Amino acid sequence: MKQKFAWFLVALMAVLFLGGDLLTPSGTGPENDLFIAAVQAQEAAPAAGGEPAGPPQTLGDYWGTMGITKWPMLGAAIWITAIVIELIFRARAKALCPPDAVAQLSSTLAVGDYVKAWQYCIDNPSPMTRAMSHAIERIPQGKEAVQDAIMEQINFQNSVFKSKNSYLNLNATGDTLLGLLGTISGMISAFNKMAYSGATGDPAKLAGSIGEALLCTWTGLGLAITSLGLFYIFTNRIKIAVTSMQNTIMNLIEEIDFSTVTPDMEIVTAEMKSRALGGKGGEAAKGAPRAAAGGAKQAGETAQCPHCQANIQVGAAKCPSCKAELEWE
């Protein structure tokens, strides 16, 4: 429901600020009387070709009556739209925790194949897999160290989303001030006409400047109200998505049997990390067992596991220490 409401606000903002017609103000208040006077003045003014100009009807007509603040307001509208689109696609449970990644990690952690789980996280980057890769590296240090690593990554991801969302709050304040700046600009123009153009007794001469002031106020408040509403919507959306990711990761950690883990176990070696950082990915890591075990081909002989350096029997399918799957030449 919240996602549909967010899409509705984005569509409404796009219609109002990026295209379409603006509604003519109605009512009997003094502001509407001034606006009607501005329309009447424009109708009475001759166009460039000698024909009377009609009342403003489209966004382009109103756009031409606004002052210099229309350009920063347009930039703010585009900025708000970009933030909203990004948060809609990124701040959701499926984007943070891809279902395929959850299923794969659950199956590999359940059998104790921590090296394969870590390699999967490196090959399939997402907020959840990045947190899990750091957690798997700390498995030999115990459950508490693993949970600390997870919370560090979750807090980091939460801060990224909050930083993005804070720009909506910034627009809620800044666009109001932009509208006020346009209002002051229009009123200064009106007072100048009264002082230097003899517009004291002729409201039609003032209507254009007052109309500019009212349009800037309306646009700034429209942007600000929209931004403020979206800010609170996405604040709750981010909280729900990050909490869901935290619960999913904690459930995956429960699959780890810490009773079989020893402090001297080395799940992820420095060589594996350097290969991952170097962009070689999983293929380089998969080739490590075969290269390290090459030359020890006779049954009954032993070799060192390329992952934890423990002694293993030649031909063994898995390392009894780190549970890594092995390939033999």
Protein backbone atom coordinates (compact mmCIF):
# COMPACT_ATOMS: atom_id res chain seq x y z
CA MET A 1 0.00 0.00 0.00
CA LYS A 2 2.79 2.40 0.88
CA GLN A 3 4.58 1.58 -2.38
CA LYS A 4 1.42 2.35 -4.39
CA PHE A 5 1.01 5.64 -2.52
CA ALA A 6 4.64 6.55 -3.25
CA TRP A 7 4.16 5.83 -6.95
CA PHE A 8 1.01 7.98 -6.89
CA LEU A 9 2.93 10.92 -5.41
CA VAL A 10 5.70 10.54 -8.01
CA ALA A 11 3.18 10.50 -10.85
CA LEU A 12 1.34 13.51 -9.40
CA MET A 13 4.57 15.49 -9.09
CA ALA A 14 5.59 14.60 -12.64
CA VAL A 15 2.23 15.78 -14.00
CA LEU A 16 2.29 19.03 -12.07
CA PHE A 17 5.92 20.03 -12.55
CA LEU A 18 7.14 18.30 -15.71
CA GLY A 19 4.13 18.61 -17.99
CA GLY A 20 0.40 19.06 -18.32
CA ASP A 21 -1.98 21.90 -17.50
CA LEU A 22 -2.26 23.78 -14.22
CA LEU A 23 -5.64 24.34 -12.73
CA THR A 24 -6.87 27.90 -12.73
CA PRO A 25 -7.38 29.10 -9.14
CA SER A 26 -10.97 29.43 -8.02
CA GLY A 27 -12.66 31.11 -5.12
CA THR A 28 -13.32 34.64 -3.93
CA GLY A 29 -10.28 35.37 -1.78
CA PRO A 30 -7.99 38.37 -2.37
CA GLU A 31 -5.22 36.17 -3.76
CA ASN A 32 -7.57 34.77 -6.41
CA ASP A 33 -8.80 38.28 -7.29
CA LEU A 34 -5.19 39.31 -7.93
CA PHE A 35 -4.59 36.23 -10.02
CA ILE A 36 -7.75 36.90 -12.09
CA ALA A 37 -6.54 40.46 -12.59
CA ALA A 38 -3.26 39.07 -13.91
CA VAL A 39 -5.13 36.90 -16.39
CA GLN A 40 -7.27 39.82 -17.51
CA ALA A 41 -4.16 41.96 -17.96
CA GLN A 42 -2.58 39.29 -20.14
CA GLU A 43 -5.77 39.02 -22.20
CA ALA A 44 -5.75 42.78 -22.75
CA ALA A 45 -2.05 42.91 -23.69
CA PRO A 46 -1.47 42.61 -27.47
CA ALA A 47 0.68 39.76 -28.67
CA ALA A 48 3.73 40.18 -30.91
CA GLY A 49 1.63 39.62 -34.03
CA GLY A 50 -1.01 42.18 -33.00
CA GLU A 51 -3.56 39.62 -31.70
CA PRO A 52 -4.63 39.77 -28.05
CA ALA A 53 -2.87 37.20 -25.93
CA GLY A 54 -5.13 34.61 -24.30
CA PRO A 55 -5.13 33.62 -20.63
CA PRO A 56 -2.41 31.23 -19.46
CA GLN A 57 -3.56 27.64 -19.84
CA THR A 58 -0.56 25.32 -19.97
CA LEU A 59 2.54 24.80 -17.88
CA GLY A 60 4.58 26.71 -20.46
CA ASP A 61 2.33 29.75 -20.12
CA TYR A 62 2.69 29.82 -16.36
CA TRP A 63 6.37 28.97 -16.60
CA GLY A 64 7.01 32.19 -18.50
CA THR A 65 5.43 34.29 -15.75
CA MET A 66 7.70 32.97 -12.99
CA GLY A 67 10.94 34.62 -11.95
CA ILE A 68 14.47 33.32 -11.77
CA THR A 69 13.61 30.83 -8.99
CA LYS A 70 11.82 28.63 -11.53
CA TRP A 71 15.14 27.07 -12.56
CA PRO A 72 16.26 25.88 -9.11
CA MET A 73 12.70 24.66 -8.50
CA LEU A 74 12.82 22.61 -11.70
CA GLY A 75 16.17 21.17 -10.58
CA ALA A 76 14.67 20.32 -7.19
CA ALA A 77 11.72 18.53 -8.83
CA ILE A 78 14.07 16.41 -10.97
CA TRP A 79 16.26 15.67 -7.93
CA ILE A 80 13.27 14.55 -5.85
CA THR A 81 12.05 12.28 -8.64
CA ALA A 82 15.49 10.66 -8.99
CA ILE A 83 15.76 10.00 -5.23
CA VAL A 84 12.29 8.49 -5.10
CA ILE A 85 12.93 6.16 -8.04
CA GLU A 86 16.22 4.97 -6.52
CA LEU A 87 14.70 4.30 -3.10
CA ILE A 88 11.71 2.48 -4.59
CA PHE A 89 13.97 -0.02 -6.35
CA ARG A 90 16.73 -0.35 -3.71
CA ALA A 91 14.97 -0.02 -0.35
CA ARG A 92 12.99 -3.26 -0.51
CA ALA A 93 13.47 -6.68 0.99
CA LYS A 94 14.04 -8.53 -2.30
CA ALA A 95 16.75 -6.09 -3.38
CA LEU A 96 18.55 -6.32 -0.02
CA CYS A 97 18.15 -10.10 0.35
CA PRO A 98 17.73 -11.84 -3.03
CA PRO A 99 15.74 -15.07 -2.50
CA ASP A 100 18.17 -17.13 -4.59
CA ALA A 101 21.10 -15.95 -2.47
CA VAL A 102 19.26 -16.79 0.75
CA ALA A 103 18.49 -20.33 -0.46
CA GLN A 104 22.06 -20.93 -1.68
CA LEU A 105 23.71 -19.68 1.52
CA SER A 106 21.29 -21.62 3.70
CA SER A 107 22.16 -24.89 1.97
CA THR A 108 25.94 -24.33 2.01
CA LEU A 109 26.09 -23.15 5.62
CA ALA A 110 23.95 -26.09 6.75
CA VAL A 111 26.60 -28.57 5.51
CA GLY A 112 29.47 -26.48 6.86
CA ASP A 113 30.93 -25.51 3.48
CA TYR A 114 31.98 -22.03 4.61
CA VAL A 115 34.51 -21.47 1.83
CA LYS A 116 31.88 -22.08 -0.84
CA ALA A 117 29.46 -19.79 0.99
CA TRP A 118 32.06 -17.03 1.17
CA GLN A 119 32.91 -17.43 -2.51
CA TYR A 120 29.23 -17.24 -3.43
CA CYS A 121 28.95 -13.96 -1.52
CA ILE A 122 31.94 -12.54 -3.43
CA ASP A 123 30.55 -13.64 -6.80
CA ASN A 124 27.02 -12.36 -6.12
CA PRO A 125 27.29 -8.93 -4.46
CA SER A 126 24.27 -7.55 -2.64
CA PRO A 127 23.78 -5.87 0.76
CA MET A 128 23.08 -9.26 2.36
CA THR A 129 26.00 -11.11 0.75
CA ARG A 130 28.40 -8.32 1.62
CA ALA A 131 27.38 -8.64 5.27
CA MET A 132 27.61 -12.43 5.12
CA SER A 133 31.09 -12.41 3.57
CA HIS A 134 32.41 -10.38 6.52
CA ALA A 135 30.58 -12.64 8.95
CA ILE A 136 31.98 -15.84 7.42
CA GLU A 137 35.51 -14.49 7.70
CA ARG A 138 35.02 -14.15 11.47
CA ILE A 139 33.52 -17.59 12.10
CA PRO A 140 36.73 -18.90 13.79
CA GLN A 141 36.45 -16.04 16.31
CA GLY A 142 33.08 -17.24 17.56
CA LYS A 143 29.41 -16.38 17.31
CA GLU A 144 29.70 -13.04 19.05
CA ALA A 145 32.33 -11.81 16.59
CA VAL A 146 30.13 -12.95 13.70
CA GLN A 147 27.15 -11.04 15.05
CA ASP A 148 29.28 -7.92 15.53
CA ALA A 149 30.41 -8.11 11.90
CA ILE A 150 26.82 -8.42 10.75
CA MET A 151 25.67 -5.43 12.78
CA GLU A 152 28.52 -3.32 11.40
CA GLN A 153 27.40 -4.02 7.84
CA ILE A 154 23.71 -3.54 8.63
CA ASN A 155 24.40 -0.19 10.28
CA PHE A 156 26.46 0.84 7.26
CA GLN A 157 23.67 -0.08 4.85
CA ASN A 158 21.13 1.70 7.03
CA SER A 159 23.25 4.86 7.04
CA VAL A 160 23.48 4.78 3.23
CA PHE A 161 19.69 4.71 2.91
CA LYS A 162 19.22 7.37 5.57
CA SER A 163 21.66 9.66 3.77
CA LYS A 164 19.70 9.28 0.53
CA ASN A 165 16.39 9.83 2.30
CA SER A 166 17.67 12.91 4.13
CA TYR A 167 17.82 14.76 0.81
CA LEU A 168 14.02 14.56 0.67
CA ASN A 169 13.91 16.27 4.05
CA LEU A 170 16.37 18.86 2.75
CA ASN A 171 14.05 19.58 -0.18
CA ALA A 172 11.09 19.95 2.17
CA THR A 173 12.89 22.86 3.82
CA GLY A 174 14.83 24.27 0.88
CA ASP A 175 11.92 24.35 -1.59
CA THR A 176 9.81 26.31 0.88
CA LEU A 177 12.57 28.91 1.06
CA LEU A 178 12.87 28.94 -2.74
CA GLY A 179 9.16 29.67 -2.98
CA LEU A 180 9.52 32.47 -0.45
CA LEU A 181 12.46 33.88 -2.41
CA GLY A 182 10.34 33.93 -5.57
CA THR A 183 7.52 35.61 -3.64
CA ILE A 184 9.83 38.36 -2.44
CA SER A 185 11.20 38.80 -5.96
CA GLY A 186 7.69 39.23 -7.35
CA MET A 187 6.69 41.69 -4.62
CA ILE A 188 9.83 43.77 -5.21
CA SER A 189 8.87 43.98 -8.88
CA ALA A 190 5.34 45.05 -7.94
CA PHE A 191 6.59 47.79 -5.61
CA ASN A 192 8.99 49.05 -8.27
CA LYS A 193 6.07 49.41 -10.67
CA MET A 194 4.13 51.32 -8.06
CA ALA A 195 7.08 53.64 -7.44
CA TYR A 196 8.33 54.19 -10.97
CA SER A 197 5.60 53.16 -13.43
CA GLY A 198 2.53 54.87 -11.96
CA ALA A 199 0.82 51.62 -11.07
CA THR A 200 -0.60 52.88 -7.77
CA GLY A 201 -4.16 53.17 -9.03
CA ASP A 202 -3.98 50.51 -11.75
CA PRO A 203 -4.11 46.92 -10.40
CA ALA A 204 -3.61 45.52 -13.90
CA LYS A 205 -0.05 46.84 -13.93
CA LEU A 206 0.66 45.08 -10.64
CA ALA A 207 -1.07 41.82 -11.48
CA GLY A 208 1.84 40.31 -13.40
CA SER A 209 4.33 40.75 -10.58
CA ILE A 210 1.86 39.60 -7.92
CA GLY A 211 0.98 36.59 -10.07
CA GLU A 212 4.68 35.73 -10.25
CA ALA A 213 4.90 35.90 -6.45
CA LEU A 214 1.88 33.63 -5.96
CA LEU A 215 3.09 31.09 -8.54
CA CYS A 216 6.48 30.82 -6.85
CA THR A 217 4.81 30.34 -3.47
CA TRP A 218 2.49 27.66 -4.84
CA THR A 219 5.31 25.76 -6.59
CA GLY A 220 7.66 25.90 -3.60
CA LEU A 221 4.99 24.70 -1.18
CA GLY A 222 3.92 21.94 -3.57
CA LEU A 223 7.46 20.61 -3.80
CA ALA A 224 8.02 20.95 -0.06
CA ILE A 225 4.81 19.17 0.95
CA THR A 226 5.48 16.35 -1.51
CA SER A 227 9.07 15.94 -0.27
CA LEU A 228 8.01 15.90 3.38
CA GLY A 229 5.39 13.22 2.76
CA LEU A 230 7.83 11.08 0.78
CA PHE A 231 10.48 11.49 3.49
CA TYR A 232 8.28 9.88 6.15
CA ILE A 233 7.06 7.18 3.78
CA PHE A 234 10.58 6.09 2.91
CA THR A 235 11.76 6.41 6.52
CA ASN A 236 9.32 3.65 7.45
CA ARG A 237 10.05 1.69 4.28
CA ILE A 238 13.81 1.70 4.96
CA LYS A 239 13.27 0.64 8.57
CA ILE A 240 11.15 -2.33 7.50
CA ALA A 241 13.56 -3.40 4.73
CA VAL A 242 16.69 -3.22 6.92
CA THR A 243 14.97 -5.05 9.78
CA SER A 244 13.92 -7.79 7.34
CA MET A 245 17.52 -8.10 6.11
CA GLN A 246 18.80 -8.33 9.69
CA ASN A 247 16.33 -11.10 10.55
CA THR A 248 17.22 -13.04 7.39
CA ILE A 249 20.95 -12.87 8.11
CA MET A 250 20.48 -13.88 11.74
CA ASN A 251 18.51 -16.92 10.59
CA LEU A 252 21.36 -17.85 8.25
CA ILE A 253 23.87 -17.56 11.09
CA GLU A 254 21.85 -20.11 13.06
CA GLU A 255 22.80 -22.65 10.36
CA ILE A 256 26.46 -22.46 11.46
CA ASP A 257 27.63 -25.11 13.89
CA PHE A 258 30.07 -23.17 16.05
CA SER A 259 30.90 -26.27 18.11
CA THR A 260 33.01 -27.59 15.22
CA VAL A 261 34.91 -24.31 14.78
CA THR A 262 38.33 -23.77 16.33
CA PRO A 263 40.15 -20.43 16.74
CA ASP A 264 43.09 -21.61 14.63
CA MET A 265 40.87 -22.44 11.66
CA GLU A 266 41.46 -20.20 8.64
CA ILE A 267 38.40 -20.17 6.43
CA VAL A 268 39.37 -17.31 4.14
CA THR A 269 43.05 -16.96 3.37
CA ALA A 270 44.87 -13.77 2.45
CA GLU A 271 45.40 -15.19 -1.03
CA MET A 272 41.67 -15.69 -1.50
CA LYS A 273 40.97 -12.12 -0.41
CA SER A 274 43.60 -10.70 -2.73
CA ARG A 275 42.18 -12.66 -5.66
CA ALA A 276 38.67 -11.42 -4.85
CA LEU A 277 39.86 -7.82 -4.60
CA GLY A 278 41.86 -8.24 -7.78
CA GLY A 279 38.69 -9.04 -9.71
CA LYS A 280 39.53 -12.65 -10.52
CA GLY A 281 36.46 -13.86 -8.63
CA GLY A 282 35.41 -17.39 -7.99
CA GLU A 283 37.29 -19.07 -10.82
CA ALA A 284 40.66 -18.26 -9.31
CA ALA A 285 39.59 -19.51 -5.90
CA LYS A 286 38.11 -22.70 -7.32
CA GLY A 287 41.44 -23.53 -8.95
CA ALA A 288 43.34 -23.19 -5.69
CA PRO A 289 42.69 -26.67 -4.24
CA ARG A 290 43.72 -28.46 -7.41
CA ALA A 291 46.95 -26.48 -7.80
CA ALA A 292 47.91 -26.88 -4.17
CA ALA A 293 47.21 -30.58 -4.09
CA GLY A 294 48.94 -31.33 -7.36
CA GLY A 295 51.76 -33.89 -7.08
CA ALA A 296 50.14 -35.83 -4.21
CA LYS A 297 48.20 -38.44 -6.15
CA GLN A 298 48.85 -41.73 -4.38
CA ALA A 299 46.28 -43.13 -2.00
CA GLY A 300 47.39 -42.97 1.62
CA GLU A 301 49.46 -39.84 1.13
CA THR A 302 48.56 -36.56 2.79
CA ALA A 303 48.59 -32.97 1.64
CA GLN A 304 47.76 -29.56 3.03
CA CYS A 305 44.34 -28.03 2.55
CA PRO A 306 44.75 -24.85 0.47
CA HIS A 307 42.14 -23.11 2.63
CA CYS A 308 43.08 -23.88 6.23
CA GLN A 309 46.48 -25.61 5.76
CA ALA A 310 45.31 -28.64 7.73
CA ASN A 311 46.61 -32.12 6.78
CA ILE A 312 44.12 -33.99 4.61
CA GLN A 313 44.00 -37.42 3.02
CA VAL A 314 44.68 -37.44 -0.71
CA GLY A 315 41.44 -37.97 -2.61
CA ALA A 316 39.19 -36.67 0.18
CA ALA A 317 36.08 -34.92 -1.11
CA LYS A 318 36.07 -32.38 1.73
CA CYS A 319 38.53 -31.01 4.23
CA PRO A 320 37.61 -32.39 7.69
CA SER A 321 38.71 -29.13 9.29
CA CYS A 322 37.13 -26.33 7.23
CA LYS A 323 34.63 -28.50 5.27
CA ALA A 324 35.78 -27.04 1.93
CA GLU A 325 35.15 -29.11 -1.21
CA LEU A 326 38.39 -30.26 -2.85
CA GLU A 327 39.38 -31.15 -6.39
CA TRP A 328 42.31 -33.45 -7.18
CA GLU A 329 44.36 -33.87 -10.30
